Amino acid sequence: MVAPSQAFLDRLPYGKVPDRDDFKTFLGNDKERKRYWNKAVKESARMADELQELIESGKMRNAVQRF
């Protein structure tokens, strides 16, 4: 299973991954909701790039954490 780390979540506004409830939370404030969601998309792309680097470099084994 791949899941975002707490460090990843800490970089997001509101400390969580955006979800459908944000439409209620930001009712009437689409600009802020979009800013929040766009930040999450950018951070997710960065996380994907880091994962790709781990896979291509063969360093994935060193990065995996057991739970």
PDB file of N, CA and C in Angstrom:
ATOM      1  N   MET A   1       0.838  -1.154   0.000  1.00  0.00           N
ATOM      2  CA  MET A   1       0.000   0.000   0.000  1.00  0.00           C
ATOM      3  C   MET A   1       0.896   1.232   0.000  1.00  0.00           C
ATOM      4  N   VAL A   2       0.535   2.203  -0.793  1.00  0.00           N
ATOM      5  CA  VAL A   2       1.246   3.473  -0.826  1.00  0.00           C
ATOM      6  C   VAL A   2       0.312   4.512  -0.230  1.00  0.00           C
ATOM      7  N   ALA A   3       0.832   5.253   0.722  1.00  0.00           N
ATOM      8  CA  ALA A   3       0.023   6.275   1.381  1.00  0.00           C
ATOM      9  C   ALA A   3       0.882   7.502   1.632  1.00  0.00           C
ATOM     10  N   PRO A   4       0.270   8.669   1.641  1.00  0.00           N
ATOM     11  CA  PRO A   4       1.045   9.875   1.909  1.00  0.00           C
ATOM     12  C   PRO A   4       1.567   9.888   3.337  1.00  0.00           C
ATOM     13  N   SER A   5       2.760  10.367   3.503  1.00  0.00           N
ATOM     14  CA  SER A   5       3.344  10.468   4.845  1.00  0.00           C
ATOM     15  C   SER A   5       2.751  11.664   5.580  1.00  0.00           C
ATOM     16  N   GLN A   6       2.985  11.713   6.858  1.00  0.00           N
ATOM     17  CA  GLN A   6       2.537  12.866   7.642  1.00  0.00           C
ATOM     18  C   GLN A   6       3.245  14.128   7.164  1.00  0.00           C
ATOM     19  N   ALA A   7       4.505  13.990   6.766  1.00  0.00           N
ATOM     20  CA  ALA A   7       5.258  15.138   6.249  1.00  0.00           C
ATOM     21  C   ALA A   7       4.592  15.687   4.986  1.00  0.00           C
ATOM     22  N   PHE A   8       4.098  14.796   4.126  1.00  0.00           N
ATOM     23  CA  PHE A   8       3.382  15.232   2.929  1.00  0.00           C
ATOM     24  C   PHE A   8       2.116  15.979   3.318  1.00  0.00           C
ATOM     25  N   LEU A   9       1.349  15.407   4.217  1.00  0.00           N
ATOM     26  CA  LEU A   9       0.105  16.043   4.655  1.00  0.00           C
ATOM     27  C   LEU A   9       0.368  17.386   5.314  1.00  0.00           C
ATOM     28  N   ASP A  10       1.461  17.483   6.031  1.00  0.00           N
ATOM     29  CA  ASP A  10       1.811  18.742   6.703  1.00  0.00           C
ATOM     30  C   ASP A  10       2.095  19.862   5.703  1.00  0.00           C
ATOM     31  N   ARG A  11       2.505  19.496   4.485  1.00  0.00           N
ATOM     32  CA  ARG A  11       2.775  20.510   3.460  1.00  0.00           C
ATOM     33  C   ARG A  11       1.501  21.009   2.782  1.00  0.00           C
ATOM     34  N   LEU A  12       0.393  20.315   3.010  1.00  0.00           N
ATOM     35  CA  LEU A  12      -0.864  20.712   2.381  1.00  0.00           C
ATOM     36  C   LEU A  12      -1.609  21.719   3.256  1.00  0.00           C
ATOM     37  N   PRO A  13      -2.296  22.651   2.619  1.00  0.00           N
ATOM     38  CA  PRO A  13      -3.158  23.529   3.416  1.00  0.00           C
ATOM     39  C   PRO A  13      -4.188  22.672   4.158  1.00  0.00           C
ATOM     40  N   TYR A  14      -4.456  23.011   5.368  1.00  0.00           N
ATOM     41  CA  TYR A  14      -5.427  22.312   6.218  1.00  0.00           C
ATOM     42  C   TYR A  14      -4.961  20.924   6.631  1.00  0.00           C
ATOM     43  N   GLY A  15      -3.740  20.530   6.252  1.00  0.00           N
ATOM     44  CA  GLY A  15      -3.150  19.274   6.712  1.00  0.00           C
ATOM     45  C   GLY A  15      -3.872  18.016   6.288  1.00  0.00           C
ATOM     46  N   LYS A  16      -4.575  18.068   5.159  1.00  0.00           N
ATOM     47  CA  LYS A  16      -5.290  16.882   4.691  1.00  0.00           C
ATOM     48  C   LYS A  16      -5.378  16.890   3.170  1.00  0.00           C
ATOM     49  N   VAL A  17      -5.656  15.738   2.623  1.00  0.00           N
ATOM     50  CA  VAL A  17      -5.883  15.600   1.196  1.00  0.00           C
ATOM     51  C   VAL A  17      -7.278  16.158   0.904  1.00  0.00           C
ATOM     52  N   PRO A  18      -7.428  16.951  -0.134  1.00  0.00           N
ATOM     53  CA  PRO A  18      -8.756  17.476  -0.462  1.00  0.00           C
ATOM     54  C   PRO A  18      -9.760  16.344  -0.700  1.00  0.00           C
ATOM     55  N   ASP A  19     -10.996  16.621  -0.387  1.00  0.00           N
ATOM     56  CA  ASP A  19     -12.057  15.645  -0.628  1.00  0.00           C
ATOM     57  C   ASP A  19     -13.354  16.360  -0.981  1.00  0.00           C
ATOM     58  N   ARG A  20     -14.405  15.583  -1.250  1.00  0.00           N
ATOM     59  CA  ARG A  20     -15.674  16.164  -1.689  1.00  0.00           C
ATOM     60  C   ARG A  20     -16.300  17.063  -0.636  1.00  0.00           C
ATOM     61  N   ASP A  21     -16.000  16.834   0.627  1.00  0.00           N
ATOM     62  CA  ASP A  21     -16.553  17.690   1.679  1.00  0.00           C
ATOM     63  C   ASP A  21     -16.072  19.130   1.550  1.00  0.00           C
ATOM     64  N   ASP A  22     -14.991  19.335   0.818  1.00  0.00           N
ATOM     65  CA  ASP A  22     -14.478  20.696   0.637  1.00  0.00           C
ATOM     66  C   ASP A  22     -15.474  21.587  -0.101  1.00  0.00           C
ATOM     67  N   PHE A  23     -16.351  20.984  -0.889  1.00  0.00           N
ATOM     68  CA  PHE A  23     -17.364  21.799  -1.563  1.00  0.00           C
ATOM     69  C   PHE A  23     -18.302  22.436  -0.533  1.00  0.00           C
ATOM     70  N   LYS A  24     -18.541  21.734   0.578  1.00  0.00           N
ATOM     71  CA  LYS A  24     -19.349  22.308   1.668  1.00  0.00           C
ATOM     72  C   LYS A  24     -18.512  23.281   2.491  1.00  0.00           C
ATOM     73  N   THR A  25     -17.300  22.866   2.816  1.00  0.00           N
ATOM     74  CA  THR A  25     -16.415  23.695   3.645  1.00  0.00           C
ATOM     75  C   THR A  25     -16.167  25.056   3.010  1.00  0.00           C
ATOM     76  N   PHE A  26     -15.964  25.062   1.703  1.00  0.00           N
ATOM     77  CA  PHE A  26     -15.632  26.296   0.994  1.00  0.00           C
ATOM     78  C   PHE A  26     -16.819  26.854   0.208  1.00  0.00           C
ATOM     79  N   LEU A  27     -18.007  26.524   0.638  1.00  0.00           N
ATOM     80  CA  LEU A  27     -19.204  27.010  -0.036  1.00  0.00           C
ATOM     81  C   LEU A  27     -19.145  28.528  -0.164  1.00  0.00           C
ATOM     82  N   GLY A  28     -19.249  29.003  -1.386  1.00  0.00           N
ATOM     83  CA  GLY A  28     -19.175  30.434  -1.634  1.00  0.00           C
ATOM     84  C   GLY A  28     -17.765  30.982  -1.725  1.00  0.00           C
ATOM     85  N   ASN A  29     -16.769  30.110  -1.608  1.00  0.00           N
ATOM     86  CA  ASN A  29     -15.372  30.544  -1.664  1.00  0.00           C
ATOM     87  C   ASN A  29     -14.588  29.624  -2.616  1.00  0.00           C
ATOM     88  N   ASP A  30     -15.042  29.594  -3.851  1.00  0.00           N
ATOM     89  CA  ASP A  30     -14.414  28.713  -4.839  1.00  0.00           C
ATOM     90  C   ASP A  30     -12.941  29.037  -5.052  1.00  0.00           C
ATOM     91  N   LYS A  31     -12.580  30.304  -4.959  1.00  0.00           N
ATOM     92  CA  LYS A  31     -11.186  30.702  -5.172  1.00  0.00           C
ATOM     93  C   LYS A  31     -10.262  30.005  -4.174  1.00  0.00           C
ATOM     94  N   GLU A  32     -10.631  29.979  -2.899  1.00  0.00           N
ATOM     95  CA  GLU A  32      -9.808  29.327  -1.876  1.00  0.00           C
ATOM     96  C   GLU A  32      -9.796  27.817  -2.057  1.00  0.00           C
ATOM     97  N   ARG A  33     -10.952  27.226  -2.408  1.00  0.00           N
ATOM     98  CA  ARG A  33     -11.013  25.779  -2.630  1.00  0.00           C
ATOM     99  C   ARG A  33     -10.099  25.396  -3.783  1.00  0.00           C
ATOM    100  N   LYS A  34     -10.143  26.152  -4.857  1.00  0.00           N
ATOM    101  CA  LYS A  34      -9.296  25.848  -6.013  1.00  0.00           C
ATOM    102  C   LYS A  34      -7.817  26.024  -5.676  1.00  0.00           C
ATOM    103  N   ARG A  35      -7.494  27.058  -4.895  1.00  0.00           N
ATOM    104  CA  ARG A  35      -6.101  27.269  -4.481  1.00  0.00           C
ATOM    105  C   ARG A  35      -5.615  26.058  -3.685  1.00  0.00           C
ATOM    106  N   TYR A  36      -6.440  25.615  -2.756  1.00  0.00           N
ATOM    107  CA  TYR A  36      -6.129  24.449  -1.922  1.00  0.00           C
ATOM    108  C   TYR A  36      -5.954  23.207  -2.786  1.00  0.00           C
ATOM    109  N   TRP A  37      -6.885  22.950  -3.665  1.00  0.00           N
ATOM    110  CA  TRP A  37      -6.812  21.759  -4.505  1.00  0.00           C
ATOM    111  C   TRP A  37      -5.605  21.828  -5.438  1.00  0.00           C
ATOM    112  N   ASN A  38      -5.327  22.988  -6.005  1.00  0.00           N
ATOM    113  CA  ASN A  38      -4.164  23.115  -6.898  1.00  0.00           C
ATOM    114  C   ASN A  38      -2.861  22.869  -6.152  1.00  0.00           C
ATOM    115  N   LYS A  39      -2.756  23.327  -4.918  1.00  0.00           N
ATOM    116  CA  LYS A  39      -1.564  23.068  -4.096  1.00  0.00           C
ATOM    117  C   LYS A  39      -1.417  21.555  -3.887  1.00  0.00           C
ATOM    118  N   ALA A  40      -2.519  20.875  -3.610  1.00  0.00           N
ATOM    119  CA  ALA A  40      -2.475  19.425  -3.410  1.00  0.00           C
ATOM    120  C   ALA A  40      -2.035  18.710  -4.690  1.00  0.00           C
ATOM    121  N   VAL A  41      -2.498  19.175  -5.838  1.00  0.00           N
ATOM    122  CA  VAL A  41      -2.103  18.573  -7.116  1.00  0.00           C
ATOM    123  C   VAL A  41      -0.604  18.746  -7.329  1.00  0.00           C
ATOM    124  N   LYS A  42      -0.084  19.932  -7.055  1.00  0.00           N
ATOM    125  CA  LYS A  42       1.353  20.184  -7.220  1.00  0.00           C
ATOM    126  C   LYS A  42       2.186  19.311  -6.288  1.00  0.00           C
ATOM    127  N   GLU A  43       1.754  19.196  -5.037  1.00  0.00           N
ATOM    128  CA  GLU A  43       2.486  18.353  -4.081  1.00  0.00           C
ATOM    129  C   GLU A  43       2.397  16.884  -4.480  1.00  0.00           C
ATOM    130  N   SER A  44       1.257  16.465  -5.012  1.00  0.00           N
ATOM    131  CA  SER A  44       1.095  15.079  -5.459  1.00  0.00           C
ATOM    132  C   SER A  44       2.011  14.779  -6.640  1.00  0.00           C
ATOM    133  N   ALA A  45       2.150  15.731  -7.547  1.00  0.00           N
ATOM    134  CA  ALA A  45       3.057  15.543  -8.685  1.00  0.00           C
ATOM    135  C   ALA A  45       4.494  15.415  -8.190  1.00  0.00           C
ATOM    136  N   ARG A  46       4.850  16.208  -7.192  1.00  0.00           N
ATOM    137  CA  ARG A  46       6.192  16.125  -6.614  1.00  0.00           C
ATOM    138  C   ARG A  46       6.405  14.750  -5.974  1.00  0.00           C
ATOM    139  N   MET A  47       5.382  14.258  -5.260  1.00  0.00           N
ATOM    140  CA  MET A  47       5.469  12.939  -4.639  1.00  0.00           C
ATOM    141  C   MET A  47       5.615  11.859  -5.718  1.00  0.00           C
ATOM    142  N   ALA A  48       4.882  11.991  -6.820  1.00  0.00           N
ATOM    143  CA  ALA A  48       4.982  11.022  -7.916  1.00  0.00           C
ATOM    144  C   ALA A  48       6.378  11.036  -8.526  1.00  0.00           C
ATOM    145  N   ASP A  49       6.952  12.222  -8.678  1.00  0.00           N
ATOM    146  CA  ASP A  49       8.318  12.322  -9.208  1.00  0.00           C
ATOM    147  C   ASP A  49       9.316  11.640  -8.282  1.00  0.00           C
ATOM    148  N   GLU A  50       9.152  11.832  -6.987  1.00  0.00           N
ATOM    149  CA  GLU A  50      10.046  11.189  -6.018  1.00  0.00           C
ATOM    150  C   GLU A  50       9.899   9.671  -6.067  1.00  0.00           C
ATOM    151  N   LEU A  51       8.664   9.185  -6.199  1.00  0.00           N
ATOM    152  CA  LEU A  51       8.429   7.742  -6.303  1.00  0.00           C
ATOM    153  C   LEU A  51       9.079   7.198  -7.571  1.00  0.00           C
ATOM    154  N   GLN A  52       8.916   7.897  -8.675  1.00  0.00           N
ATOM    155  CA  GLN A  52       9.525   7.465  -9.933  1.00  0.00           C
ATOM    156  C   GLN A  52      11.042   7.374  -9.798  1.00  0.00           C
ATOM    157  N   GLU A  53      11.636   8.349  -9.132  1.00  0.00           N
ATOM    158  CA  GLU A  53      13.092   8.339  -8.921  1.00  0.00           C
ATOM    159  C   GLU A  53      13.508   7.132  -8.078  1.00  0.00           C
ATOM    160  N   LEU A  54      12.733   6.826  -7.039  1.00  0.00           N
ATOM    161  CA  LEU A  54      13.046   5.660  -6.197  1.00  0.00           C
ATOM    162  C   LEU A  54      12.985   4.372  -7.013  1.00  0.00           C
ATOM    163  N   ILE A  55      11.976   4.278  -7.862  1.00  0.00           N
ATOM    164  CA  ILE A  55      11.821   3.071  -8.687  1.00  0.00           C
ATOM    165  C   ILE A  55      12.965   2.958  -9.686  1.00  0.00           C
ATOM    166  N   GLU A  56      13.236   4.038 -10.410  1.00  0.00           N
ATOM    167  CA  GLU A  56      14.263   3.991 -11.457  1.00  0.00           C
ATOM    168  C   GLU A  56      15.666   3.807 -10.897  1.00  0.00           C
ATOM    169  N   SER A  57      15.928   4.336  -9.717  1.00  0.00           N
ATOM    170  CA  SER A  57      17.267   4.246  -9.136  1.00  0.00           C
ATOM    171  C   SER A  57      17.500   2.927  -8.392  1.00  0.00           C
ATOM    172  N   GLY A  58      16.423   2.174  -8.164  1.00  0.00           N
ATOM    173  CA  GLY A  58      16.543   0.935  -7.407  1.00  0.00           C
ATOM    174  C   GLY A  58      16.608   1.146  -5.899  1.00  0.00           C
ATOM    175  N   LYS A  59      16.341   2.361  -5.451  1.00  0.00           N
ATOM    176  CA  LYS A  59      16.416   2.683  -4.027  1.00  0.00           C
ATOM    177  C   LYS A  59      15.092   2.479  -3.303  1.00  0.00           C
ATOM    178  N   MET A  60      14.113   1.906  -3.989  1.00  0.00           N
ATOM    179  CA  MET A  60      12.800   1.716  -3.386  1.00  0.00           C
ATOM    180  C   MET A  60      12.873   0.881  -2.112  1.00  0.00           C
ATOM    181  N   ARG A  61      13.693  -0.141  -2.136  1.00  0.00           N
ATOM    182  CA  ARG A  61      13.816  -1.027  -0.976  1.00  0.00           C
ATOM    183  C   ARG A  61      14.223  -0.247   0.268  1.00  0.00           C
ATOM    184  N   ASN A  62      15.078   0.767   0.116  1.00  0.00           N
ATOM    185  CA  ASN A  62      15.528   1.546   1.246  1.00  0.00           C
ATOM    186  C   ASN A  62      14.457   2.503   1.779  1.00  0.00           C
ATOM    187  N   ALA A  63      13.472   2.808   0.941  1.00  0.00           N
ATOM    188  CA  ALA A  63      12.454   3.794   1.320  1.00  0.00           C
ATOM    189  C   ALA A  63      11.195   3.171   1.909  1.00  0.00           C
ATOM    190  N   VAL A  64      11.002   1.883   1.700  1.00  0.00           N
ATOM    191  CA  VAL A  64       9.786   1.221   2.170  1.00  0.00           C
ATOM    192  C   VAL A  64       9.802   1.108   3.691  1.00  0.00           C
ATOM    193  N   GLN A  65       8.660   1.436   4.270  1.00  0.00           N
ATOM    194  CA  GLN A  65       8.493   1.304   5.720  1.00  0.00           C
ATOM    195  C   GLN A  65       7.416   0.279   6.005  1.00  0.00           C
ATOM    196  N   ARG A  66       7.710  -0.628   6.891  1.00  0.00           N
ATOM    197  CA  ARG A  66       6.716  -1.638   7.266  1.00  0.00           C
ATOM    198  C   ARG A  66       5.763  -1.062   8.284  1.00  0.00           C
ATOM    199  N   PHE A  67       4.561  -1.527   8.248  1.00  0.00           N
ATOM    200  CA  PHE A  67       3.577  -1.092   9.242  1.00  0.00           C
ATOM    201  C   PHE A  67       2.860  -2.271   9.826  1.00  0.00           C
TER     202      PHE A  67
END
